[in-house]
Amino acid sequence: MEFILCFFLLMVGLYAVVTKRNLVKIIIGLAIMEYAINLFLILIGYRKDGIAPIMTSTMDRVEFLRKAVDPLPQALVITSIVIGFGILALAVSIAIRIYERFGTFDINEIKKLKG
């Protein structure tokens, strides 16, 4: 069920990117798509009743491997959040510069004004 919700969230973001003509709405759609992918990666690494991936001397190796949560998706999501924040900041700064130059966020108007 959770994977279906991730797919739905991804489709909402894709819809905003493909159909909207306002730069701010496109940037918000990109952010929604990023959150959907991050949620998907976290769900991949989820294990019910999982334990932290830190093995102590009292644990049995087989029990540890069976119950430990995979830390790789968590590390990927942290990296993805940092990269996504940088991309979002860059996109917003470009949108601000476009607004300062053309006075609009509408892509169709910006295409008409080029030259």
C-alpha atoms as a PDB file:
ATOM      1  CA  MET A   1       0.000   0.000   0.000  1.00  0.00           C
ATOM      2  CA  GLU A   2       2.803   2.400   0.853  1.00  0.00           C
ATOM      3  CA  PHE A   3       4.448   1.828  -2.517  1.00  0.00           C
ATOM      4  CA  ILE A   4       1.200   2.751  -4.257  1.00  0.00           C
ATOM      5  CA  LEU A   5       1.115   6.010  -2.302  1.00  0.00           C
ATOM      6  CA  CYS A   6       4.711   6.720  -3.351  1.00  0.00           C
ATOM      7  CA  PHE A   7       3.744   6.140  -6.972  1.00  0.00           C
ATOM      8  CA  PHE A   8       0.705   8.428  -6.581  1.00  0.00           C
ATOM      9  CA  LEU A   9       2.886  11.160  -5.069  1.00  0.00           C
ATOM     10  CA  LEU A  10       5.356  10.769  -7.924  1.00  0.00           C
ATOM     11  CA  MET A  11       2.538  11.077 -10.467  1.00  0.00           C
ATOM     12  CA  VAL A  12       1.229  14.250  -8.772  1.00  0.00           C
ATOM     13  CA  GLY A  13       4.684  15.812  -9.063  1.00  0.00           C
ATOM     14  CA  LEU A  14       5.072  14.663 -12.661  1.00  0.00           C
ATOM     15  CA  TYR A  15       1.648  16.109 -13.511  1.00  0.00           C
ATOM     16  CA  ALA A  16       2.708  19.474 -12.090  1.00  0.00           C
ATOM     17  CA  VAL A  17       5.974  19.470 -14.030  1.00  0.00           C
ATOM     18  CA  VAL A  18       4.415  18.457 -17.344  1.00  0.00           C
ATOM     19  CA  THR A  19       1.176  20.461 -17.378  1.00  0.00           C
ATOM     20  CA  LYS A  20       1.826  23.669 -15.436  1.00  0.00           C
ATOM     21  CA  ARG A  21       3.273  26.764 -17.108  1.00  0.00           C
ATOM     22  CA  ASN A  22       4.224  28.653 -13.936  1.00  0.00           C
ATOM     23  CA  LEU A  23       7.867  28.251 -12.890  1.00  0.00           C
ATOM     24  CA  VAL A  24       7.021  28.177  -9.189  1.00  0.00           C
ATOM     25  CA  LYS A  25       4.506  25.363  -9.702  1.00  0.00           C
ATOM     26  CA  ILE A  26       7.051  23.408 -11.748  1.00  0.00           C
ATOM     27  CA  ILE A  27       9.623  23.770  -8.974  1.00  0.00           C
ATOM     28  CA  ILE A  28       7.064  22.588  -6.410  1.00  0.00           C
ATOM     29  CA  GLY A  29       6.297  19.596  -8.658  1.00  0.00           C
ATOM     30  CA  LEU A  30       9.997  18.727  -8.788  1.00  0.00           C
ATOM     31  CA  ALA A  31      10.177  18.902  -4.990  1.00  0.00           C
ATOM     32  CA  ILE A  32       7.141  16.605  -4.657  1.00  0.00           C
ATOM     33  CA  MET A  33       8.767  14.093  -7.009  1.00  0.00           C
ATOM     34  CA  GLU A  34      11.950  14.208  -4.944  1.00  0.00           C
ATOM     35  CA  TYR A  35      10.010  13.540  -1.734  1.00  0.00           C
ATOM     36  CA  ALA A  36       8.270  10.582  -3.381  1.00  0.00           C
ATOM     37  CA  ILE A  37      11.591   9.015  -4.373  1.00  0.00           C
ATOM     38  CA  ASN A  38      13.031   9.600  -0.892  1.00  0.00           C
ATOM     39  CA  LEU A  39       9.982   7.987   0.702  1.00  0.00           C
ATOM     40  CA  PHE A  40      10.312   5.028  -1.675  1.00  0.00           C
ATOM     41  CA  LEU A  41      13.958   4.535  -0.714  1.00  0.00           C
ATOM     42  CA  ILE A  42      13.116   4.661   2.984  1.00  0.00           C
ATOM     43  CA  LEU A  43      10.335   2.095   2.484  1.00  0.00           C
ATOM     44  CA  ILE A  44      12.756  -0.244   0.726  1.00  0.00           C
ATOM     45  CA  GLY A  45      14.984  -0.302   3.804  1.00  0.00           C
ATOM     46  CA  TYR A  46      12.124  -0.683   6.292  1.00  0.00           C
ATOM     47  CA  ARG A  47      11.889  -3.901   8.289  1.00  0.00           C
ATOM     48  CA  LYS A  48       9.113  -4.527  10.797  1.00  0.00           C
ATOM     49  CA  ASP A  49      10.507  -4.899  14.329  1.00  0.00           C
ATOM     50  CA  GLY A  50      13.943  -4.119  12.956  1.00  0.00           C
ATOM     51  CA  ILE A  51      16.916  -3.174  15.100  1.00  0.00           C
ATOM     52  CA  ALA A  52      19.702  -0.691  14.525  1.00  0.00           C
ATOM     53  CA  PRO A  53      22.532  -2.128  12.409  1.00  0.00           C
ATOM     54  CA  ILE A  54      24.981  -2.168  15.313  1.00  0.00           C
ATOM     55  CA  MET A  55      26.117  -5.611  16.372  1.00  0.00           C
ATOM     56  CA  THR A  56      27.018  -6.196  20.011  1.00  0.00           C
ATOM     57  CA  SER A  57      29.068  -9.061  21.419  1.00  0.00           C
ATOM     58  CA  THR A  58      25.992 -10.685  22.970  1.00  0.00           C
ATOM     59  CA  MET A  59      24.111 -10.991  19.670  1.00  0.00           C
ATOM     60  CA  ASP A  60      24.028 -14.048  17.497  1.00  0.00           C
ATOM     61  CA  ARG A  61      25.186 -13.281  13.942  1.00  0.00           C
ATOM     62  CA  VAL A  62      22.200 -15.007  12.306  1.00  0.00           C
ATOM     63  CA  GLU A  63      19.732 -13.162  14.553  1.00  0.00           C
ATOM     64  CA  PHE A  64      21.487  -9.881  13.816  1.00  0.00           C
ATOM     65  CA  LEU A  65      21.342 -10.402  10.040  1.00  0.00           C
ATOM     66  CA  ARG A  66      17.684 -11.361  10.243  1.00  0.00           C
ATOM     67  CA  LYS A  67      16.570  -8.356  12.334  1.00  0.00           C
ATOM     68  CA  ALA A  68      18.976  -5.549  11.396  1.00  0.00           C
ATOM     69  CA  VAL A  69      17.697  -2.726   9.226  1.00  0.00           C
ATOM     70  CA  ASP A  70      19.656  -1.991   6.053  1.00  0.00           C
ATOM     71  CA  PRO A  71      21.462   1.359   6.553  1.00  0.00           C
ATOM     72  CA  LEU A  72      22.212   1.917   2.856  1.00  0.00           C
ATOM     73  CA  PRO A  73      18.792   3.390   1.895  1.00  0.00           C
ATOM     74  CA  GLN A  74      19.014   5.772   4.842  1.00  0.00           C
ATOM     75  CA  ALA A  75      22.435   6.971   3.694  1.00  0.00           C
ATOM     76  CA  LEU A  76      21.158   7.373   0.139  1.00  0.00           C
ATOM     77  CA  VAL A  77      18.190   9.421   1.326  1.00  0.00           C
ATOM     78  CA  ILE A  78      20.382  11.724   3.404  1.00  0.00           C
ATOM     79  CA  THR A  79      22.572  12.296   0.357  1.00  0.00           C
ATOM     80  CA  SER A  80      19.501  12.774  -1.822  1.00  0.00           C
ATOM     81  CA  ILE A  81      18.048  15.362   0.564  1.00  0.00           C
ATOM     82  CA  VAL A  82      21.254  17.409   0.479  1.00  0.00           C
ATOM     83  CA  ILE A  83      21.514  17.242  -3.314  1.00  0.00           C
ATOM     84  CA  GLY A  84      17.796  17.983  -3.685  1.00  0.00           C
ATOM     85  CA  PHE A  85      18.106  21.019  -1.443  1.00  0.00           C
ATOM     86  CA  GLY A  86      20.931  22.352  -3.600  1.00  0.00           C
ATOM     87  CA  ILE A  87      18.935  21.795  -6.785  1.00  0.00           C
ATOM     88  CA  LEU A  88      15.866  23.426  -5.242  1.00  0.00           C
ATOM     89  CA  ALA A  89      17.888  26.478  -4.160  1.00  0.00           C
ATOM     90  CA  LEU A  90      19.385  26.772  -7.643  1.00  0.00           C
ATOM     91  CA  ALA A  91      15.976  26.453  -9.322  1.00  0.00           C
ATOM     92  CA  VAL A  92      14.446  29.098  -7.047  1.00  0.00           C
ATOM     93  CA  SER A  93      17.335  31.485  -7.650  1.00  0.00           C
ATOM     94  CA  ILE A  94      17.005  31.018 -11.432  1.00  0.00           C
ATOM     95  CA  ALA A  95      13.248  31.616 -11.178  1.00  0.00           C
ATOM     96  CA  ILE A  96      13.867  34.826  -9.215  1.00  0.00           C
ATOM     97  CA  ARG A  97      16.346  36.042 -11.839  1.00  0.00           C
ATOM     98  CA  ILE A  98      13.875  35.237 -14.623  1.00  0.00           C
ATOM     99  CA  TYR A  99      11.161  37.152 -12.771  1.00  0.00           C
ATOM    100  CA  GLU A 100      13.484  40.140 -12.310  1.00  0.00           C
ATOM    101  CA  ARG A 101      14.302  40.178 -16.018  1.00  0.00           C
ATOM    102  CA  PHE A 102      10.923  39.368 -17.582  1.00  0.00           C
ATOM    103  CA  GLY A 103       8.460  40.265 -14.801  1.00  0.00           C
ATOM    104  CA  THR A 104       6.572  36.974 -15.024  1.00  0.00           C
ATOM    105  CA  PHE A 105       6.789  33.312 -14.040  1.00  0.00           C
ATOM    106  CA  ASP A 106       4.744  32.155 -17.046  1.00  0.00           C
ATOM    107  CA  ILE A 107       6.840  30.058 -19.442  1.00  0.00           C
ATOM    108  CA  ASN A 108       4.756  31.030 -22.484  1.00  0.00           C
ATOM    109  CA  GLU A 109       5.311  34.738 -21.816  1.00  0.00           C
ATOM    110  CA  ILE A 110       9.039  34.210 -21.305  1.00  0.00           C
ATOM    111  CA  LYS A 111       9.273  32.388 -24.659  1.00  0.00           C
ATOM    112  CA  LYS A 112       7.528  35.324 -26.388  1.00  0.00           C
ATOM    113  CA  LEU A 113       9.911  37.863 -24.821  1.00  0.00           C
ATOM    114  CA  LYS A 114      13.194  36.218 -25.779  1.00  0.00           C
ATOM    115  CA  GLY A 115      15.455  37.926 -28.233  1.00  0.00           C
END
